[in-house]
Amino acid sequence: MTKYFPATHSTLSVKALIAEVLSGYEIPKVSELKFLNIGLNDTYVAQVVGGKKYILRIYRANWRSHSEVAYEIEVLNYLGRQGTPVAQPIRRKDGRFIQPLEAIEGKRYAVLFAYALGTPLTYEEDDNARSFNYGKVAAKIHSSSQDFSSAHTRFSLDLNHLMEEPLVSIGPKLSHRSDDWQYLHK
């Protein structure tokens, strides 16, 4: 047996993230690092002395390759140069944007982003103006990225990625629920 029991996802130490990751940036001293949410990535809010905030994203192991994360960084930088309002990645002191981390479940990547001010959409009737503005920004992101290209590879958001690949993963888990599997497959 290995020294540690295998894990598919771990929660990284906030103290270690401050000491070993955030110290690699030209930002004021971090006064607080709060775990914001778990999802496809772990997201933290870093508050620094003086009140400014940043977002620290820790990518899941085996979710995105280094090249795919680099692609994301490049497209965000490209959109920023186009004047599109996106949260910009922050360059580390060593000039890189991405810091690899060896976690118990495998290699993960850390990237720090500028904090995007605003409030979340609620999708209530009185939120029509903000929803309209959100749609305008989403359209600007799509139109501004038309000419973007990168040497880094990224998966395609096509029907195969969005439908077929998940069905292949889900199928064996629903082998005992044939009606549900037939419904999903249909």
Foldseek 3Di string as FASTA:
>chain_A
DDPDDADQDDDDDPVCCQVPPVVQAPDARFPDWAFDDDDQWTWIWTAHPVGFIKIKTKGGPPSDDPLQVVLVLVLQVQCVVVVQDDWHWGATPVRHQWDWDQDRNGIIIMIMTGDDDDDDQPPDPVCVVVVVVVVVSVVSSVVSCPPDDDPGDHDDPDCCVVQVVVLVVCVVVCVVPVVVNVVSVD
